[in-house]
Protein backbone atom coordinates (compact mmCIF):
# COMPACT_ATOMS: atom_id res chain seq x y z
CA MET A 1 0.41 -2.34 24.41
CA ASN A 2 -3.20 -1.85 25.49
CA PHE A 3 -4.82 -4.81 23.71
CA GLN A 4 -8.12 -4.26 25.51
CA ALA A 5 -8.43 -0.76 24.07
CA ILE A 6 -7.56 -1.99 20.58
CA LYS A 7 -10.14 -4.77 20.92
CA SER A 8 -12.84 -2.36 22.10
CA ILE A 9 -12.38 0.09 19.22
CA TYR A 10 -12.07 -2.76 16.73
CA ILE A 11 -15.28 -4.45 17.91
CA ALA A 12 -17.15 -1.14 17.86
CA GLU A 13 -16.08 -0.53 14.25
CA MET A 14 -16.97 -4.05 13.18
CA ALA A 15 -20.37 -3.75 14.89
CA ARG A 16 -21.09 -0.73 12.69
CA THR A 17 -20.74 -3.03 9.66
CA LYS A 18 -23.61 -5.18 10.90
CA ARG A 19 -25.84 -2.11 11.04
CA THR A 20 -24.92 -1.10 7.49
CA ILE A 21 -24.55 -4.56 5.95
CA PHE A 22 -26.07 -3.56 2.60
CA GLN A 23 -23.79 -0.55 2.14
CA SER A 24 -20.69 -2.22 3.57
CA VAL A 25 -20.86 -5.68 1.99
CA ILE A 26 -23.76 -6.37 -0.35
CA SER A 27 -23.54 -3.18 -2.43
CA PRO A 28 -19.82 -3.46 -3.37
CA VAL A 29 -20.22 -7.17 -4.15
CA ILE A 30 -23.17 -6.50 -6.47
CA SER A 31 -21.33 -3.60 -8.15
CA THR A 32 -18.25 -5.73 -8.79
CA VAL A 33 -20.31 -8.63 -10.14
CA LEU A 34 -22.02 -6.20 -12.55
CA TYR A 35 -18.61 -4.94 -13.68
CA PHE A 36 -17.58 -8.53 -14.25
CA VAL A 37 -20.71 -9.46 -16.20
CA VAL A 38 -20.77 -6.29 -18.34
CA PHE A 39 -17.05 -6.10 -19.16
CA GLY A 40 -16.69 -9.86 -19.44
CA ALA A 41 -19.59 -10.11 -21.87
CA ALA A 42 -18.95 -6.93 -23.87
CA ILE A 43 -15.17 -7.11 -24.21
CA GLY A 44 -14.75 -10.84 -23.67
CA SER A 45 -16.66 -11.53 -26.89
CA ARG A 46 -13.96 -9.61 -28.79
CA ILE A 47 -10.87 -10.44 -26.73
CA THR A 48 -10.85 -14.16 -26.04
CA GLU A 49 -7.50 -14.38 -24.24
CA VAL A 50 -4.89 -12.14 -22.61
CA ASP A 51 -1.49 -13.68 -21.85
CA GLY A 52 -2.96 -17.12 -22.38
CA VAL A 53 -5.81 -16.54 -19.90
CA SER A 54 -9.47 -16.17 -20.86
CA TYR A 55 -10.53 -12.53 -20.64
CA GLY A 56 -13.22 -13.25 -18.07
CA ALA A 57 -10.67 -14.85 -15.73
CA PHE A 58 -8.05 -12.19 -16.55
CA ILE A 59 -10.12 -9.30 -15.17
CA VAL A 60 -11.03 -11.01 -11.88
CA PRO A 61 -7.81 -10.00 -9.99
CA GLY A 62 -8.21 -6.41 -11.20
CA LEU A 63 -11.83 -6.26 -10.07
CA ILE A 64 -10.95 -7.70 -6.67
CA MET A 65 -8.17 -5.16 -6.23
CA LEU A 66 -10.47 -2.33 -7.34
CA SER A 67 -13.01 -3.32 -4.71
CA LEU A 68 -10.32 -3.92 -2.08
CA MET A 69 -8.78 -0.49 -2.57
CA THR A 70 -12.00 1.50 -2.65
CA GLN A 71 -13.56 -0.35 0.29
CA SER A 72 -10.43 -0.03 2.44
CA LEU A 73 -10.32 3.69 1.71
CA SER A 74 -14.00 4.28 2.38
CA ASN A 75 -14.20 2.17 5.54
CA ALA A 76 -11.12 3.71 7.13
CA SER A 77 -11.85 7.31 6.14
CA PHE A 78 -15.44 7.22 7.39
CA GLY A 79 -14.41 5.25 10.49
CA ILE A 80 -12.15 8.04 11.75
CA TYR A 81 -14.04 10.98 10.22
CA PHE A 82 -17.36 10.21 11.91
CA PRO A 83 -15.93 10.43 15.49
CA ARG A 84 -14.31 13.73 14.48
CA PHE A 85 -17.61 14.94 13.05
CA THR A 86 -19.56 14.04 16.21
CA GLY A 87 -16.81 15.08 18.62
CA THR A 88 -16.43 11.63 20.19
CA ILE A 89 -12.84 11.45 18.94
CA PHE A 90 -11.79 13.57 21.94
CA GLU A 91 -12.99 10.81 24.27
CA VAL A 92 -10.67 8.39 22.48
CA LEU A 93 -7.75 10.85 22.49
CA SER A 94 -8.17 11.54 26.21
CA ALA A 95 -8.25 7.83 27.07
CA PRO A 96 -5.04 5.97 28.05
CA VAL A 97 -4.62 4.73 24.49
CA SER A 98 -1.58 5.51 22.35
CA PHE A 99 -1.83 6.89 18.84
CA PHE A 100 -0.33 3.64 17.55
CA GLU A 101 -3.07 1.61 19.23
CA ILE A 102 -5.80 3.89 17.82
CA THR A 103 -4.38 3.44 14.33
CA ILE A 104 -4.17 -0.35 14.68
CA ALA A 105 -7.80 -0.56 15.79
CA TYR A 106 -9.33 1.66 13.11
CA VAL A 107 -7.11 0.47 10.26
CA GLY A 108 -7.45 -3.17 11.34
CA ALA A 109 -11.24 -2.96 11.30
CA ALA A 110 -11.30 -1.24 7.88
CA ALA A 111 -8.87 -3.77 6.41
CA THR A 112 -10.88 -6.68 7.83
CA LYS A 113 -14.10 -5.41 6.25
CA SER A 114 -12.50 -4.96 2.84
CA ILE A 115 -10.82 -8.37 2.99
CA VAL A 116 -14.19 -10.01 3.73
CA VAL A 117 -15.72 -8.22 0.72
CA GLY A 118 -12.77 -9.24 -1.46
CA LEU A 119 -13.07 -12.88 -0.43
CA ILE A 120 -16.81 -12.87 -1.17
CA ILE A 121 -16.09 -11.45 -4.64
CA LEU A 122 -13.38 -14.08 -5.17
CA GLY A 123 -15.81 -16.83 -4.22
CA THR A 124 -18.54 -15.36 -6.43
CA ALA A 125 -16.19 -15.17 -9.43
CA ASN A 126 -15.77 -18.94 -9.31
CA PHE A 127 -19.39 -19.27 -10.44
CA PHE A 128 -18.59 -17.39 -13.66
CA VAL A 129 -15.07 -18.47 -14.63
CA ASP A 130 -12.56 -21.17 -13.86
CA LEU A 131 -10.04 -19.44 -11.59
CA GLN A 132 -6.51 -20.64 -10.92
CA ILE A 133 -4.40 -19.47 -8.00
CA GLN A 134 -0.88 -20.62 -8.76
CA HIS A 135 0.77 -18.79 -5.86
CA PRO A 136 -1.70 -18.59 -2.93
CA VAL A 137 0.91 -17.29 -0.46
CA PHE A 138 1.70 -14.29 -2.64
CA MET A 139 -2.00 -13.79 -3.30
CA ALA A 140 -2.67 -13.59 0.44
CA LEU A 141 0.35 -11.28 0.88
CA PHE A 142 -0.82 -8.80 -1.77
CA PHE A 143 -4.38 -9.10 -0.48
CA ILE A 144 -3.43 -8.14 3.08
CA LEU A 145 -0.80 -5.53 2.15
CA THR A 146 -3.19 -3.74 -0.21
CA ALA A 147 -6.03 -3.76 2.32
CA VAL A 148 -3.81 -2.40 5.11
CA THR A 149 -2.06 0.17 2.89
CA PHE A 150 -5.27 1.67 1.53
CA ALA A 151 -6.87 1.54 4.97
CA LEU A 152 -3.93 3.65 6.20
CA LEU A 153 -4.46 6.03 3.29
CA GLY A 154 -8.17 6.16 4.12
CA PHE A 155 -7.31 6.92 7.74
CA ILE A 156 -5.24 9.88 6.54
CA ILE A 157 -8.08 11.09 4.31
CA GLY A 158 -10.57 10.80 7.18
CA ILE A 159 -8.40 13.07 9.31
CA TRP A 160 -7.69 15.51 6.48
CA ALA A 161 -11.30 15.87 5.34
CA ASP A 162 -13.44 18.52 7.02
CA ASN A 163 -16.66 17.68 5.15
CA PHE A 164 -18.31 14.72 3.44
CA GLU A 165 -17.45 16.03 -0.04
CA LYS A 166 -13.72 15.89 0.68
CA LEU A 167 -14.21 12.45 2.21
CA GLN A 168 -15.36 11.13 -1.18
CA PHE A 169 -12.99 13.19 -3.32
CA VAL A 170 -9.94 10.90 -3.27
CA PRO A 171 -11.75 7.54 -3.62
CA LEU A 172 -14.01 8.69 -6.46
CA LEU A 173 -11.84 11.12 -8.42
CA ILE A 174 -8.34 9.76 -7.85
CA VAL A 175 -8.20 6.12 -6.75
CA THR A 176 -11.00 4.74 -8.95
CA PRO A 177 -9.65 6.33 -12.19
CA LEU A 178 -6.13 5.14 -11.32
CA ALA A 179 -7.50 1.62 -10.84
CA PHE A 180 -9.30 1.70 -14.18
CA LEU A 181 -6.16 3.00 -15.90
CA GLY A 182 -3.88 0.65 -13.97
CA GLY A 183 -4.61 -2.53 -15.88
CA SER A 184 -7.76 -3.73 -14.14
CA PHE A 185 -9.39 -4.63 -17.46
CA TYR A 186 -6.40 -4.97 -19.77
CA SER A 187 -2.69 -5.69 -19.89
CA ILE A 188 -0.58 -2.57 -20.24
CA ASN A 189 1.43 -4.49 -22.86
CA MET A 190 -1.58 -3.97 -25.14
CA LEU A 191 -0.94 -0.21 -25.11
CA PRO A 192 1.38 1.72 -27.45
CA GLU A 193 4.94 2.01 -26.13
CA PHE A 194 4.54 5.65 -25.08
CA TRP A 195 1.42 4.96 -23.02
CA GLN A 196 3.06 1.91 -21.46
CA THR A 197 5.76 4.21 -20.11
CA VAL A 198 3.20 6.74 -18.87
CA THR A 199 1.15 4.00 -17.21
CA LEU A 200 4.15 2.85 -15.17
CA ALA A 201 3.89 6.14 -13.25
CA ASN A 202 0.56 4.88 -11.89
CA PRO A 203 1.26 3.17 -8.52
CA VAL A 204 -1.88 1.03 -8.81
CA VAL A 205 -0.31 -0.80 -11.77
CA TYR A 206 2.16 -2.52 -9.45
CA LEU A 207 -0.53 -3.68 -7.03
CA ILE A 208 -2.76 -5.14 -9.74
CA SER A 209 0.16 -6.66 -11.64
CA GLY A 210 1.57 -8.42 -8.59
CA PHE A 211 -1.85 -9.68 -7.53
CA ARG A 212 -2.59 -10.99 -11.05
CA TRP A 213 0.78 -12.77 -11.09
CA SER A 214 -0.23 -14.71 -7.98
CA PHE A 215 -3.17 -16.10 -9.98
CA TYR A 216 -1.71 -16.85 -13.39
CA GLY A 217 2.07 -16.48 -13.12
CA SER A 218 2.16 -13.60 -15.63
CA ALA A 219 2.43 -9.89 -14.90
CA ASP A 220 3.05 -6.56 -16.59
CA VAL A 221 5.92 -5.69 -14.22
CA SER A 222 8.33 -7.66 -12.05
CA LEU A 223 6.86 -9.35 -8.97
CA TRP A 224 9.59 -7.97 -6.73
CA LEU A 225 9.13 -4.47 -8.10
CA SER A 226 5.41 -4.79 -7.30
CA LEU A 227 6.22 -5.82 -3.72
CA LEU A 228 8.77 -3.01 -3.36
CA MET A 229 6.33 -0.36 -4.56
CA THR A 230 3.64 -1.71 -2.22
CA MET A 231 6.00 -1.58 0.76
CA ILE A 232 7.08 1.98 -0.15
CA PHE A 233 3.42 3.03 -0.30
CA LEU A 234 2.79 1.37 3.07
CA ALA A 235 5.85 3.01 4.69
CA GLY A 236 4.85 6.42 3.30
CA SER A 237 1.34 6.13 4.74
CA LEU A 238 2.72 5.13 8.15
CA ALA A 239 5.10 8.10 8.10
CA VAL A 240 2.24 10.53 7.38
CA ILE A 241 0.09 9.07 10.18
CA HIS A 242 3.03 9.34 12.60
CA TRP A 243 3.37 13.02 11.67
CA ILE A 244 -0.37 13.61 12.10
CA PHE A 245 -0.44 12.25 15.63
CA LYS A 246 2.86 13.92 16.53
CA THR A 247 1.62 17.34 15.46
CA GLY A 248 -2.07 16.86 16.27
CA TYR A 249 -3.02 17.90 12.74
CA ARG A 250 -6.85 18.29 12.59
CA LEU A 251 -7.15 16.35 15.82
CA LYS A 252 -6.47 19.07 18.35
CA PRO A 253 -8.86 22.04 18.43
C-alpha cells in the first residue's frame, strides 16, 4: 500500500479545513448549540425526562449524530467533487495510487473533520447539561463507524453529482429530515404504535439509538441490531464505491 500517497492526499484535504475553519468547524458547532438551546429550552420546559434522563441531556447524542452525519457527508462529497469540477482528479487517477488508497485518503480526511466537530460539540454540551457516558467503548465505536459510513456515502454523492445543487440535495433533503424523524429529539416509544413501526424503516434510527445507549444504557432498538444495521450500511457503501472505481462511473471522460 502506498502510504505516502495516502498521507499526501489526506494532508491536502486537512489543510483545506484550516482555510475554511469557520465553515468547516465553527459554523456547525454554533448551529448545533443553537439547536440544543432552542429545543432544550422550548421542549425541555414541557418534557422534563425521557427514559429517566433529563430532556436536555437526552437530545445531546441525537444532536451529535446529526452533526456527525451531515458534516461527514458534506466534507467527503465536496472533497471529491471539487477535484472533478476543476479537472485535477485526473492527475490523481493517473498517479500510481490505487482506487482503494484514494478512497482511504479522502474518506479518512472527511471522517476526521467530522469527528473533531463532534468532539467539540460533546465538550460544549457539558457546559449545559450533566452528561453521562456509561459505555465509552461503544460510544467511540458508533462515533467512528458513523463518521466513516457517512463519509463513504458522501464520497459516492460527490462522484454522482454533476453540479453544486445535486451536491447539496442528499444532505439537505434526505439525510437531515431522516435525522430529525429518527429520534434525535424524542424517543420513538413516544409515538403511536403505527408510527413506531413506520419509523423503524428509517436507518438513522438505529445509529442514533445505539449511540444514545452508549450514554445512558437505554435505547429504542436493540444495541446489536443497531450495530448490524450500521455495518450493513457501511458494507453497502463500500460495495458501491468498488463498483464506481471498477467501471469508472463519472470518473472517466
